């Protein structure tokens, strides 16, 4: 019975649930970015090249059996995902930027030394 209890504590910890939610949101976000790249960016960028090659779909673009179209689409997808993640992390860092801490008060030794300095200046 100890194993079941231990597993239940592990499985329902906040970290595990947060990770599960993050994975699900990441999968949904991945679909959005994939659609953005495959349906918008790639056709806009590669339409002239595809027309010159006589290909309608980028997945069909190959030279001597090498599917360059798929490779270029994968590169564009990676760059788009990296850019979006960069913007998200930059925005999150801006929002969660910690407030500047107030300067610490001088220690008792420093305070005593400042008083001695001030007394010596008066003389």
PDB file of N, CA and C in Angstrom:
ATOM      1  N   UNK A   1       0.816  -1.193   0.000  1.00  0.00           N
ATOM      2  CA  UNK A   1       0.000   0.000   0.000  1.00  0.00           C
ATOM      3  C   UNK A   1       0.861   1.260   0.000  1.00  0.00           C
ATOM      4  N   UNK A   2       2.089   1.179   0.468  1.00  0.00           N
ATOM      5  CA  UNK A   2       2.975   2.323   0.510  1.00  0.00           C
ATOM      6  C   UNK A   2       3.346   2.818  -0.878  1.00  0.00           C
ATOM      7  N   UNK A   3       3.491   1.883  -1.827  1.00  0.00           N
ATOM      8  CA  UNK A   3       3.844   2.253  -3.192  1.00  0.00           C
ATOM      9  C   UNK A   3       2.742   3.086  -3.825  1.00  0.00           C
ATOM     10  N   UNK A   4       1.491   2.690  -3.638  1.00  0.00           N
ATOM     11  CA  UNK A   4       0.359   3.416  -4.221  1.00  0.00           C
ATOM     12  C   UNK A   4       0.281   4.820  -3.633  1.00  0.00           C
ATOM     13  N   UNK A   5       0.464   4.937  -2.347  1.00  0.00           N
ATOM     14  CA  UNK A   5       0.420   6.240  -1.683  1.00  0.00           C
ATOM     15  C   UNK A   5       1.563   7.125  -2.185  1.00  0.00           C
ATOM     16  N   UNK A   6       2.736   6.548  -2.283  1.00  0.00           N
ATOM     17  CA  UNK A   6       3.896   7.308  -2.746  1.00  0.00           C
ATOM     18  C   UNK A   6       3.716   7.766  -4.199  1.00  0.00           C
ATOM     19  N   UNK A   7       3.180   6.862  -5.039  1.00  0.00           N
ATOM     20  CA  UNK A   7       2.935   7.220  -6.431  1.00  0.00           C
ATOM     21  C   UNK A   7       1.873   8.310  -6.530  1.00  0.00           C
ATOM     22  N   UNK A   8       0.833   8.226  -5.722  1.00  0.00           N
ATOM     23  CA  UNK A   8      -0.231   9.234  -5.732  1.00  0.00           C
ATOM     24  C   UNK A   8       0.337  10.599  -5.345  1.00  0.00           C
ATOM     25  N   UNK A   9       1.192  10.634  -4.343  1.00  0.00           N
ATOM     26  CA  UNK A   9       1.811  11.903  -3.929  1.00  0.00           C
ATOM     27  C   UNK A   9       2.679  12.466  -5.048  1.00  0.00           C
ATOM     28  N   UNK A  10       3.396  11.590  -5.739  1.00  0.00           N
ATOM     29  CA  UNK A  10       4.242  12.043  -6.841  1.00  0.00           C
ATOM     30  C   UNK A  10       3.408  12.542  -8.011  1.00  0.00           C
ATOM     31  N   UNK A  11       2.411  11.769  -8.407  1.00  0.00           N
ATOM     32  CA  UNK A  11       1.639  12.068  -9.606  1.00  0.00           C
ATOM     33  C   UNK A  11       0.796  13.330  -9.461  1.00  0.00           C
ATOM     34  N   UNK A  12       0.381  13.628  -8.257  1.00  0.00           N
ATOM     35  CA  UNK A  12      -0.496  14.781  -8.089  1.00  0.00           C
ATOM     36  C   UNK A  12       0.178  15.962  -7.413  1.00  0.00           C
ATOM     37  N   UNK A  13       1.500  15.947  -7.407  1.00  0.00           N
ATOM     38  CA  UNK A  13       2.234  17.128  -6.954  1.00  0.00           C
ATOM     39  C   UNK A  13       1.977  18.259  -7.928  1.00  0.00           C
ATOM     40  N   UNK A  14       2.157  19.472  -7.474  1.00  0.00           N
ATOM     41  CA  UNK A  14       1.958  20.630  -8.335  1.00  0.00           C
ATOM     42  C   UNK A  14       2.877  20.629  -9.536  1.00  0.00           C
ATOM     43  N   UNK A  15       4.123  20.194  -9.366  1.00  0.00           N
ATOM     44  CA  UNK A  15       5.076  20.215 -10.476  1.00  0.00           C
ATOM     45  C   UNK A  15       4.647  19.306 -11.615  1.00  0.00           C
ATOM     46  N   UNK A  16       4.142  18.131 -11.294  1.00  0.00           N
ATOM     47  CA  UNK A  16       3.730  17.190 -12.330  1.00  0.00           C
ATOM     48  C   UNK A  16       2.518  17.726 -13.070  1.00  0.00           C
ATOM     49  N   UNK A  17       1.573  18.280 -12.341  1.00  0.00           N
ATOM     50  CA  UNK A  17       0.391  18.838 -12.989  1.00  0.00           C
ATOM     51  C   UNK A  17       0.751  20.060 -13.829  1.00  0.00           C
ATOM     52  N   UNK A  18       1.639  20.900 -13.332  1.00  0.00           N
ATOM     53  CA  UNK A  18       2.089  22.063 -14.108  1.00  0.00           C
ATOM     54  C   UNK A  18       2.779  21.611 -15.391  1.00  0.00           C
ATOM     55  N   UNK A  19       3.575  20.569 -15.293  1.00  0.00           N
ATOM     56  CA  UNK A  19       4.258  20.044 -16.475  1.00  0.00           C
ATOM     57  C   UNK A  19       3.249  19.513 -17.488  1.00  0.00           C
ATOM     58  N   UNK A  20       2.233  18.802 -17.013  1.00  0.00           N
ATOM     59  CA  UNK A  20       1.211  18.268 -17.919  1.00  0.00           C
ATOM     60  C   UNK A  20       0.477  19.400 -18.632  1.00  0.00           C
ATOM     61  N   UNK A  21       0.123  20.439 -17.898  1.00  0.00           N
ATOM     62  CA  UNK A  21      -0.548  21.586 -18.516  1.00  0.00           C
ATOM     63  C   UNK A  21       0.382  22.246 -19.524  1.00  0.00           C
ATOM     64  N   UNK A  22       1.640  22.388 -19.178  1.00  0.00           N
ATOM     65  CA  UNK A  22       2.616  22.991 -20.090  1.00  0.00           C
ATOM     66  C   UNK A  22       2.775  22.196 -21.373  1.00  0.00           C
ATOM     67  N   UNK A  23       2.773  20.876 -21.265  1.00  0.00           N
ATOM     68  CA  UNK A  23       2.895  20.030 -22.451  1.00  0.00           C
ATOM     69  C   UNK A  23       1.674  20.207 -23.347  1.00  0.00           C
ATOM     70  N   UNK A  24       0.486  20.240 -22.743  1.00  0.00           N
ATOM     71  CA  UNK A  24      -0.737  20.398 -23.534  1.00  0.00           C
ATOM     72  C   UNK A  24      -0.777  21.765 -24.220  1.00  0.00           C
ATOM     73  N   UNK A  25      -0.424  22.806 -23.497  1.00  0.00           N
ATOM     74  CA  UNK A  25      -0.409  24.143 -24.102  1.00  0.00           C
ATOM     75  C   UNK A  25       0.667  24.210 -25.173  1.00  0.00           C
ATOM     76  N   UNK A  26       1.804  23.586 -24.926  1.00  0.00           N
ATOM     77  CA  UNK A  26       2.870  23.550 -25.919  1.00  0.00           C
ATOM     78  C   UNK A  26       2.443  22.841 -27.194  1.00  0.00           C
ATOM     79  N   UNK A  27       1.700  21.755 -27.056  1.00  0.00           N
ATOM     80  CA  UNK A  27       1.220  21.034 -28.237  1.00  0.00           C
ATOM     81  C   UNK A  27       0.247  21.899 -29.039  1.00  0.00           C
ATOM     82  N   UNK A  28      -0.662  22.575 -28.331  1.00  0.00           N
ATOM     83  CA  UNK A  28      -1.615  23.452 -29.021  1.00  0.00           C
ATOM     84  C   UNK A  28      -0.877  24.622 -29.680  1.00  0.00           C
ATOM     85  N   UNK A  29       0.085  25.177 -28.986  1.00  0.00           N
ATOM     86  CA  UNK A  29       0.871  26.282 -29.525  1.00  0.00           C
ATOM     87  C   UNK A  29       1.662  25.815 -30.744  1.00  0.00           C
ATOM     88  N   UNK A  30       2.186  24.598 -30.672  1.00  0.00           N
ATOM     89  CA  UNK A  30       2.923  24.039 -31.797  1.00  0.00           C
ATOM     90  C   UNK A  30       2.059  23.927 -33.043  1.00  0.00           C
ATOM     91  N   UNK A  31       0.795  23.551 -32.864  1.00  0.00           N
ATOM     92  CA  UNK A  31      -0.120  23.466 -34.011  1.00  0.00           C
ATOM     93  C   UNK A  31      -0.351  24.844 -34.631  1.00  0.00           C
ATOM     94  N   UNK A  32      -0.463  25.845 -33.780  1.00  0.00           N
ATOM     95  CA  UNK A  32      -0.668  27.209 -34.292  1.00  0.00           C
ATOM     96  C   UNK A  32       0.552  27.657 -35.086  1.00  0.00           C
ATOM     97  N   UNK A  33       1.735  27.456 -34.534  1.00  0.00           N
ATOM     98  CA  UNK A  33       2.954  27.882 -35.211  1.00  0.00           C
ATOM     99  C   UNK A  33       3.169  27.074 -36.489  1.00  0.00           C
ATOM    100  N   UNK A  34       2.869  25.779 -36.454  1.00  0.00           N
ATOM    101  CA  UNK A  34       2.998  24.954 -37.655  1.00  0.00           C
ATOM    102  C   UNK A  34       2.079  25.466 -38.755  1.00  0.00           C
ATOM    103  N   UNK A  35       0.858  25.789 -38.397  1.00  0.00           N
ATOM    104  CA  UNK A  35      -0.073  26.334 -39.388  1.00  0.00           C
ATOM    105  C   UNK A  35       0.422  27.673 -39.915  1.00  0.00           C
ATOM    106  N   UNK A  36       0.917  28.504 -39.029  1.00  0.00           N
ATOM    107  CA  UNK A  36       1.449  29.805 -39.448  1.00  0.00           C
ATOM    108  C   UNK A  36       2.562  29.619 -40.478  1.00  0.00           C
ATOM    109  N   UNK A  37       3.466  28.694 -40.197  1.00  0.00           N
ATOM    110  CA  UNK A  37       4.601  28.478 -41.095  1.00  0.00           C
ATOM    111  C   UNK A  37       4.173  27.798 -42.386  1.00  0.00           C
ATOM    112  N   UNK A  38       3.432  26.689 -42.265  1.00  0.00           N
ATOM    113  CA  UNK A  38       3.079  25.909 -43.450  1.00  0.00           C
ATOM    114  C   UNK A  38       2.036  26.589 -44.328  1.00  0.00           C
ATOM    115  N   UNK A  39       1.097  27.307 -43.711  1.00  0.00           N
ATOM    116  CA  UNK A  39      -0.012  27.868 -44.474  1.00  0.00           C
ATOM    117  C   UNK A  39       0.179  29.327 -44.870  1.00  0.00           C
ATOM    118  N   UNK A  40       1.049  30.042 -44.170  1.00  0.00           N
ATOM    119  CA  UNK A  40       1.226  31.464 -44.471  1.00  0.00           C
ATOM    120  C   UNK A  40       2.645  31.815 -44.912  1.00  0.00           C
ATOM    121  N   UNK A  41       3.594  31.597 -44.024  1.00  0.00           N
ATOM    122  CA  UNK A  41       4.961  32.077 -44.268  1.00  0.00           C
ATOM    123  C   UNK A  41       5.624  31.332 -45.427  1.00  0.00           C
ATOM    124  N   UNK A  42       5.609  30.005 -45.378  1.00  0.00           N
ATOM    125  CA  UNK A  42       6.287  29.229 -46.421  1.00  0.00           C
ATOM    126  C   UNK A  42       5.716  29.512 -47.810  1.00  0.00           C
ATOM    127  N   UNK A  43       4.392  29.483 -47.998  1.00  0.00           N
ATOM    128  CA  UNK A  43       3.886  29.791 -49.336  1.00  0.00           C
ATOM    129  C   UNK A  43       4.241  31.202 -49.800  1.00  0.00           C
ATOM    130  N   UNK A  44       4.203  32.172 -48.873  1.00  0.00           N
ATOM    131  CA  UNK A  44       4.530  33.541 -49.269  1.00  0.00           C
ATOM    132  C   UNK A  44       5.990  33.678 -49.681  1.00  0.00           C
ATOM    133  N   UNK A  45       6.870  33.014 -48.957  1.00  0.00           N
ATOM    134  CA  UNK A  45       8.297  33.132 -49.248  1.00  0.00           C
ATOM    135  C   UNK A  45       8.730  32.277 -50.440  1.00  0.00           C
ATOM    136  N   UNK A  46       8.135  31.107 -50.573  1.00  0.00           N
ATOM    137  CA  UNK A  46       8.644  30.173 -51.565  1.00  0.00           C
ATOM    138  C   UNK A  46       7.805  30.061 -52.835  1.00  0.00           C
ATOM    139  N   UNK A  47       6.713  30.780 -52.938  1.00  0.00           N
ATOM    140  CA  UNK A  47       5.874  30.678 -54.138  1.00  0.00           C
ATOM    141  C   UNK A  47       6.656  30.961 -55.417  1.00  0.00           C
ATOM    142  N   UNK A  48       7.448  32.023 -55.478  1.00  0.00           N
ATOM    143  CA  UNK A  48       8.216  32.246 -56.718  1.00  0.00           C
ATOM    144  C   UNK A  48       9.162  31.088 -57.054  1.00  0.00           C
ATOM    145  N   UNK A  49       9.826  30.552 -56.043  1.00  0.00           N
ATOM    146  CA  UNK A  49      10.757  29.445 -56.290  1.00  0.00           C
ATOM    147  C   UNK A  49      10.008  28.194 -56.715  1.00  0.00           C
ATOM    148  N   UNK A  50       8.873  27.942 -56.094  1.00  0.00           N
ATOM    149  CA  UNK A  50       8.089  26.759 -56.457  1.00  0.00           C
ATOM    150  C   UNK A  50       7.542  26.872 -57.878  1.00  0.00           C
ATOM    151  N   UNK A  51       7.085  28.060 -58.239  1.00  0.00           N
ATOM    152  CA  UNK A  51       6.572  28.260 -59.592  1.00  0.00           C
ATOM    153  C   UNK A  51       7.681  28.077 -60.615  1.00  0.00           C
ATOM    154  N   UNK A  52       8.879  28.561 -60.291  1.00  0.00           N
ATOM    155  CA  UNK A  52      10.008  28.399 -61.210  1.00  0.00           C
ATOM    156  C   UNK A  52      10.392  26.927 -61.362  1.00  0.00           C
ATOM    157  N   UNK A  53      10.217  26.159 -60.275  1.00  0.00           N
ATOM    158  CA  UNK A  53      10.555  24.738 -60.319  1.00  0.00           C
ATOM    159  C   UNK A  53       9.411  23.895 -60.879  1.00  0.00           C
ATOM    160  N   UNK A  54       8.248  24.515 -61.094  1.00  0.00           N
ATOM    161  CA  UNK A  54       7.101  23.783 -61.617  1.00  0.00           C
ATOM    162  C   UNK A  54       6.471  22.857 -60.601  1.00  0.00           C
ATOM    163  N   UNK A  55       6.493  23.248 -59.319  1.00  0.00           N
ATOM    164  CA  UNK A  55       5.946  22.418 -58.243  1.00  0.00           C
ATOM    165  C   UNK A  55       4.839  23.195 -57.553  1.00  0.00           C
ATOM    166  N   UNK A  56       3.751  22.502 -57.215  1.00  0.00           N
ATOM    167  CA  UNK A  56       2.646  23.166 -56.531  1.00  0.00           C
ATOM    168  C   UNK A  56       2.782  23.085 -55.016  1.00  0.00           C
ATOM    169  N   UNK A  57       3.364  22.021 -54.521  1.00  0.00           N
ATOM    170  CA  UNK A  57       3.478  21.802 -53.084  1.00  0.00           C
ATOM    171  C   UNK A  57       4.960  21.720 -52.726  1.00  0.00           C
ATOM    172  N   UNK A  58       5.332  22.348 -51.643  1.00  0.00           N
ATOM    173  CA  UNK A  58       6.744  22.375 -51.264  1.00  0.00           C
ATOM    174  C   UNK A  58       7.269  20.977 -50.951  1.00  0.00           C
ATOM    175  N   UNK A  59       6.407  20.094 -50.460  1.00  0.00           N
ATOM    176  CA  UNK A  59       6.851  18.736 -50.148  1.00  0.00           C
ATOM    177  C   UNK A  59       7.257  17.973 -51.412  1.00  0.00           C
ATOM    178  N   UNK A  60       6.767  18.393 -52.566  1.00  0.00           N
ATOM    179  CA  UNK A  60       7.088  17.717 -53.822  1.00  0.00           C
ATOM    180  C   UNK A  60       8.378  18.238 -54.459  1.00  0.00           C
ATOM    181  N   UNK A  61       8.893  19.344 -53.976  1.00  0.00           N
ATOM    182  CA  UNK A  61      10.068  19.957 -54.585  1.00  0.00           C
ATOM    183  C   UNK A  61      11.305  19.125 -54.265  1.00  0.00           C
ATOM    184  N   UNK A  62      11.814  18.441 -55.275  1.00  0.00           N
ATOM    185  CA  UNK A  62      13.000  17.616 -55.074  1.00  0.00           C
ATOM    186  C   UNK A  62      13.935  17.764 -56.271  1.00  0.00           C
ATOM    187  N   UNK A  63      15.181  17.589 -55.992  1.00  0.00           N
ATOM    188  CA  UNK A  63      16.206  17.607 -57.036  1.00  0.00           C
ATOM    189  C   UNK A  63      16.993  16.316 -56.883  1.00  0.00           C
ATOM    190  N   UNK A  64      16.960  15.471 -57.913  1.00  0.00           N
ATOM    191  CA  UNK A  64      17.647  14.175 -57.885  1.00  0.00           C
ATOM    192  C   UNK A  64      17.251  13.330 -56.681  1.00  0.00           C
ATOM    193  N   UNK A  65      15.985  13.358 -56.330  1.00  0.00           N
ATOM    194  CA  UNK A  65      15.479  12.544 -55.224  1.00  0.00           C
ATOM    195  C   UNK A  65      15.680  13.148 -53.849  1.00  0.00           C
ATOM    196  N   UNK A  66      16.308  14.309 -53.754  1.00  0.00           N
ATOM    197  CA  UNK A  66      16.514  14.982 -52.467  1.00  0.00           C
ATOM    198  C   UNK A  66      15.402  16.012 -52.298  1.00  0.00           C
ATOM    199  N   UNK A  67      14.633  15.875 -51.234  1.00  0.00           N
ATOM    200  CA  UNK A  67      13.479  16.746 -51.008  1.00  0.00           C
ATOM    201  C   UNK A  67      13.921  18.047 -50.322  1.00  0.00           C
ATOM    202  N   UNK A  68      14.402  18.965 -51.133  1.00  0.00           N
ATOM    203  CA  UNK A  68      14.868  20.255 -50.620  1.00  0.00           C
ATOM    204  C   UNK A  68      13.717  21.072 -50.059  1.00  0.00           C
ATOM    205  N   UNK A  69      12.550  20.919 -50.613  1.00  0.00           N
ATOM    206  CA  UNK A  69      11.390  21.683 -50.154  1.00  0.00           C
ATOM    207  C   UNK A  69      11.043  21.381 -48.712  1.00  0.00           C
ATOM    208  N   UNK A  70      11.053  20.096 -48.355  1.00  0.00           N
ATOM    209  CA  UNK A  70      10.762  19.712 -46.967  1.00  0.00           C
ATOM    210  C   UNK A  70      11.815  20.286 -46.022  1.00  0.00           C
ATOM    211  N   UNK A  71      13.076  20.236 -46.466  1.00  0.00           N
ATOM    212  CA  UNK A  71      14.165  20.735 -45.636  1.00  0.00           C
ATOM    213  C   UNK A  71      14.039  22.238 -45.417  1.00  0.00           C
ATOM    214  N   UNK A  72      13.767  22.972 -46.478  1.00  0.00           N
ATOM    215  CA  UNK A  72      13.616  24.430 -46.358  1.00  0.00           C
ATOM    216  C   UNK A  72      12.413  24.769 -45.491  1.00  0.00           C
ATOM    217  N   UNK A  73      11.319  24.027 -45.634  1.00  0.00           N
ATOM    218  CA  UNK A  73      10.143  24.254 -44.794  1.00  0.00           C
ATOM    219  C   UNK A  73      10.460  23.990 -43.326  1.00  0.00           C
ATOM    220  N   UNK A  74      11.263  22.963 -43.058  1.00  0.00           N
ATOM    221  CA  UNK A  74      11.647  22.666 -41.674  1.00  0.00           C
ATOM    222  C   UNK A  74      12.507  23.784 -41.092  1.00  0.00           C
ATOM    223  N   UNK A  75      13.395  24.336 -41.897  1.00  0.00           N
ATOM    224  CA  UNK A  75      14.234  25.448 -41.428  1.00  0.00           C
ATOM    225  C   UNK A  75      13.375  26.672 -41.129  1.00  0.00           C
ATOM    226  N   UNK A  76      12.465  26.977 -42.029  1.00  0.00           N
ATOM    227  CA  UNK A  76      11.580  28.129 -41.809  1.00  0.00           C
ATOM    228  C   UNK A  76      10.728  27.913 -40.565  1.00  0.00           C
ATOM    229  N   UNK A  77      10.239  26.695 -40.388  1.00  0.00           N
ATOM    230  CA  UNK A  77       9.434  26.373 -39.199  1.00  0.00           C
ATOM    231  C   UNK A  77      10.246  26.574 -37.925  1.00  0.00           C
ATOM    232  N   UNK A  78      11.477  26.077 -37.920  1.00  0.00           N
ATOM    233  CA  UNK A  78      12.338  26.242 -36.752  1.00  0.00           C
ATOM    234  C   UNK A  78      12.570  27.714 -36.440  1.00  0.00           C
ATOM    235  N   UNK A  79      12.890  28.488 -37.463  1.00  0.00           N
ATOM    236  CA  UNK A  79      13.165  29.910 -37.247  1.00  0.00           C
ATOM    237  C   UNK A  79      11.926  30.640 -36.739  1.00  0.00           C
ATOM    238  N   UNK A  80      10.760  30.293 -37.266  1.00  0.00           N
ATOM    239  CA  UNK A  80       9.524  30.936 -36.806  1.00  0.00           C
ATOM    240  C   UNK A  80       9.234  30.577 -35.353  1.00  0.00           C
ATOM    241  N   UNK A  81       9.392  29.320 -35.000  1.00  0.00           N
ATOM    242  CA  UNK A  81       9.152  28.898 -33.619  1.00  0.00           C
ATOM    243  C   UNK A  81      10.152  29.559 -32.681  1.00  0.00           C
ATOM    244  N   UNK A  82      11.415  29.600 -33.068  1.00  0.00           N
ATOM    245  CA  UNK A  82      12.436  30.235 -32.234  1.00  0.00           C
ATOM    246  C   UNK A  82      12.136  31.719 -32.037  1.00  0.00           C
ATOM    247  N   UNK A  83      11.692  32.395 -33.094  1.00  0.00           N
ATOM    248  CA  UNK A  83      11.383  33.819 -32.987  1.00  0.00           C
ATOM    249  C   UNK A  83      10.195  34.052 -32.052  1.00  0.00           C
ATOM    250  N   UNK A  84       9.150  33.253 -32.199  1.00  0.00           N
ATOM    251  CA  UNK A  84       7.975  33.412 -31.340  1.00  0.00           C
ATOM    252  C   UNK A  84       8.336  33.132 -29.888  1.00  0.00           C
ATOM    253  N   UNK A  85       9.111  32.075 -29.639  1.00  0.00           N
ATOM    254  CA  UNK A  85       9.531  31.782 -28.267  1.00  0.00           C
ATOM    255  C   UNK A  85      10.399  32.894 -27.705  1.00  0.00           C
ATOM    256  N   UNK A  86      11.275  33.456 -28.524  1.00  0.00           N
ATOM    257  CA  UNK A  86      12.103  34.581 -28.087  1.00  0.00           C
ATOM    258  C   UNK A  86      11.227  35.752 -27.652  1.00  0.00           C
ATOM    259  N   UNK A  87      10.204  36.071 -28.462  1.00  0.00           N
ATOM    260  CA  UNK A  87       9.305  37.173 -28.108  1.00  0.00           C
ATOM    261  C   UNK A  87       8.538  36.874 -26.827  1.00  0.00           C
ATOM    262  N   UNK A  88       8.068  35.633 -26.669  1.00  0.00           N
ATOM    263  CA  UNK A  88       7.325  35.273 -25.457  1.00  0.00           C
ATOM    264  C   UNK A  88       8.203  35.366 -24.215  1.00  0.00           C
ATOM    265  N   UNK A  89       9.411  34.843 -24.302  1.00  0.00           N
ATOM    266  CA  UNK A  89      10.309  34.878 -23.145  1.00  0.00           C
ATOM    267  C   UNK A  89      10.716  36.309 -22.830  1.00  0.00           C
ATOM    268  N   UNK A  90      10.953  37.103 -23.857  1.00  0.00           N
ATOM    269  CA  UNK A  90      11.313  38.505 -23.641  1.00  0.00           C
ATOM    270  C   UNK A  90      10.167  39.244 -22.956  1.00  0.00           C
ATOM    271  N   UNK A  91       8.944  38.998 -23.399  1.00  0.00           N
ATOM    272  CA  UNK A  91       7.777  39.637 -22.778  1.00  0.00           C
ATOM    273  C   UNK A  91       7.589  39.148 -21.345  1.00  0.00           C
ATOM    274  N   UNK A  92       7.772  37.858 -21.116  1.00  0.00           N
ATOM    275  CA  UNK A  92       7.623  37.309 -19.765  1.00  0.00           C
ATOM    276  C   UNK A  92       8.680  37.881 -18.833  1.00  0.00           C
ATOM    277  N   UNK A  93       9.903  38.028 -19.315  1.00  0.00           N
ATOM    278  CA  UNK A  93      10.963  38.610 -18.484  1.00  0.00           C
ATOM    279  C   UNK A  93      10.665  40.069 -18.152  1.00  0.00           C
ATOM    280  N   UNK A  94      10.063  40.781 -19.096  1.00  0.00           N
ATOM    281  CA  UNK A  94       9.727  42.175 -18.850  1.00  0.00           C
ATOM    282  C   UNK A  94       8.631  42.290 -17.792  1.00  0.00           C
ATOM    283  N   UNK A  95       7.672  41.371 -17.837  1.00  0.00           N
ATOM    284  CA  UNK A  95       6.555  41.394 -16.883  1.00  0.00           C
ATOM    285  C   UNK A  95       7.013  40.963 -15.499  1.00  0.00           C
ATOM    286  N   UNK A  96       7.866  39.946 -15.444  1.00  0.00           N
ATOM    287  CA  UNK A  96       8.277  39.396 -14.155  1.00  0.00           C
ATOM    288  C   UNK A  96       9.580  39.988 -13.643  1.00  0.00           C
ATOM    289  N   UNK A  97      10.009  41.102 -14.223  1.00  0.00           N
ATOM    290  CA  UNK A  97      11.259  41.734 -13.791  1.00  0.00           C
ATOM    291  C   UNK A  97      11.132  42.130 -12.314  1.00  0.00           C
ATOM    292  N   UNK A  98      12.057  41.664 -11.478  1.00  0.00           N
ATOM    293  CA  UNK A  98      11.958  41.991 -10.051  1.00  0.00           C
ATOM    294  C   UNK A  98      12.200  43.478  -9.801  1.00  0.00           C
ATOM    295  N   UNK A  99      11.492  43.988  -8.821  1.00  0.00           N
ATOM    296  CA  UNK A  99      11.666  45.394  -8.451  1.00  0.00           C
ATOM    297  C   UNK A  99      13.059  45.584  -7.853  1.00  0.00           C
ATOM    298  N   UNK A 100      13.602  46.761  -8.072  1.00  0.00           N
ATOM    299  CA  UNK A 100      14.930  47.030  -7.523  1.00  0.00           C
ATOM    300  C   UNK A 100      14.845  47.096  -6.010  1.00  0.00           C
ATOM    301  N   UNK A 101      15.765  46.411  -5.369  1.00  0.00           N
ATOM    302  CA  UNK A 101      15.787  46.375  -3.909  1.00  0.00           C
ATOM    303  C   UNK A 101      16.342  47.690  -3.363  1.00  0.00           C
ATOM    304  N   UNK A 102      15.799  48.092  -2.238  1.00  0.00           N
ATOM    305  CA  UNK A 102      16.290  49.302  -1.586  1.00  0.00           C
ATOM    306  C   UNK A 102      17.704  49.038  -1.079  1.00  0.00           C
ATOM    307  N   UNK A 103      18.548  50.054  -1.108  1.00  0.00           N
ATOM    308  CA  UNK A 103      19.909  49.829  -0.626  1.00  0.00           C
ATOM    309  C   UNK A 103      19.904  49.474   0.856  1.00  0.00           C
ATOM    310  N   UNK A 104      20.822  48.611   1.210  1.00  0.00           N
ATOM    311  CA  UNK A 104      20.903  48.174   2.599  1.00  0.00           C
ATOM    312  C   UNK A 104      21.425  49.300   3.477  1.00  0.00           C
ATOM    313  N   UNK A 105      20.926  49.321   4.699  1.00  0.00           N
ATOM    314  CA  UNK A 105      21.431  50.296   5.672  1.00  0.00           C
ATOM    315  C   UNK A 105      22.848  49.873   6.058  1.00  0.00           C
ATOM    316  N   UNK A 106      23.715  50.832   6.341  1.00  0.00           N
ATOM    317  CA  UNK A 106      25.085  50.466   6.715  1.00  0.00           C
ATOM    318  C   UNK A 106      25.105  49.686   8.030  1.00  0.00           C
ATOM    319  N   UNK A 107      26.078  48.790   8.125  1.00  0.00           N
ATOM    320  CA  UNK A 107      26.204  47.996   9.348  1.00  0.00           C
ATOM    321  C   UNK A 107      26.628  48.915  10.494  1.00  0.00           C
ATOM    322  N   UNK A 108      26.578  48.382  11.695  1.00  0.00           N
ATOM    323  CA  UNK A 108      26.937  49.186  12.863  1.00  0.00           C
ATOM    324  C   UNK A 108      28.403  49.629  12.782  1.00  0.00           C
ATOM    325  N   UNK A 109      29.269  48.785  12.269  1.00  0.00           N
ATOM    326  CA  UNK A 109      30.684  49.148  12.121  1.00  0.00           C
ATOM    327  C   UNK A 109      30.841  50.275  11.115  1.00  0.00           C
ATOM    328  N   UNK A 110      30.141  50.153   9.975  1.00  0.00           N
ATOM    329  CA  UNK A 110      30.211  51.209   8.964  1.00  0.00           C
ATOM    330  C   UNK A 110      29.649  52.519   9.510  1.00  0.00           C
ATOM    331  N   UNK A 111      28.577  52.418  10.269  1.00  0.00           N
ATOM    332  CA  UNK A 111      27.966  53.611  10.857  1.00  0.00           C
ATOM    333  C   UNK A 111      28.958  54.296  11.806  1.00  0.00           C
ATOM    334  N   UNK A 112      29.635  53.514  12.636  1.00  0.00           N
ATOM    335  CA  UNK A 112      30.617  54.055  13.572  1.00  0.00           C
ATOM    336  C   UNK A 112      31.777  54.707  12.818  1.00  0.00           C
ATOM    337  N   UNK A 113      32.251  54.085  11.754  1.00  0.00           N
ATOM    338  CA  UNK A 113      33.333  54.664  10.959  1.00  0.00           C
ATOM    339  C   UNK A 113      32.904  55.975  10.307  1.00  0.00           C
ATOM    340  N   UNK A 114      31.649  56.061   9.853  1.00  0.00           N
ATOM    341  CA  UNK A 114      31.165  57.310   9.256  1.00  0.00           C
ATOM    342  C   UNK A 114      31.098  58.424  10.300  1.00  0.00           C
ATOM    343  N   UNK A 115      30.703  58.069  11.516  1.00  0.00           N
ATOM    344  CA  UNK A 115      30.662  59.078  12.579  1.00  0.00           C
ATOM    345  C   UNK A 115      32.062  59.578  12.909  1.00  0.00           C
ATOM    346  N   UNK A 116      33.024  58.674  12.953  1.00  0.00           N
ATOM    347  CA  UNK A 116      34.410  59.070  13.210  1.00  0.00           C
ATOM    348  C   UNK A 116      34.900  59.981  12.097  1.00  0.00           C
ATOM    349  N   UNK A 117      34.617  59.617  10.850  1.00  0.00           N
ATOM    350  CA  UNK A 117      35.016  60.448   9.710  1.00  0.00           C
ATOM    351  C   UNK A 117      34.418  61.830   9.812  1.00  0.00           C
ATOM    352  N   UNK A 118      33.131  61.900  10.147  1.00  0.00           N
ATOM    353  CA  UNK A 118      32.477  63.218  10.248  1.00  0.00           C
ATOM    354  C   UNK A 118      33.096  64.046  11.366  1.00  0.00           C
ATOM    355  N   UNK A 119      33.445  63.417  12.473  1.00  0.00           N
ATOM    356  CA  UNK A 119      34.084  64.148  13.589  1.00  0.00           C
ATOM    357  C   UNK A 119      35.461  64.667  13.174  1.00  0.00           C
ATOM    358  N   UNK A 120      36.207  63.874  12.433  1.00  0.00           N
ATOM    359  CA  UNK A 120      37.531  64.308  11.997  1.00  0.00           C
ATOM    360  C   UNK A 120      37.431  65.453  11.007  1.00  0.00           C
ATOM    361  N   UNK A 121      36.392  65.476  10.203  1.00  0.00           N
ATOM    362  CA  UNK A 121      36.205  66.581   9.238  1.00  0.00           C
ATOM    363  C   UNK A 121      35.909  67.893   9.967  1.00  0.00           C
ATOM    364  N   UNK A 122      35.223  67.826  11.090  1.00  0.00           N
ATOM    365  CA  UNK A 122      34.873  69.055  11.834  1.00  0.00           C
ATOM    366  C   UNK A 122      36.111  69.690  12.453  1.00  0.00           C
ATOM    367  N   UNK A 123      37.111  68.933  12.757  1.00  0.00           N
ATOM    368  CA  UNK A 123      38.281  69.467  13.453  1.00  0.00           C
ATOM    369  C   UNK A 123      39.253  70.070  12.524  1.00  0.00           C
TER     370      UNK A 123
END
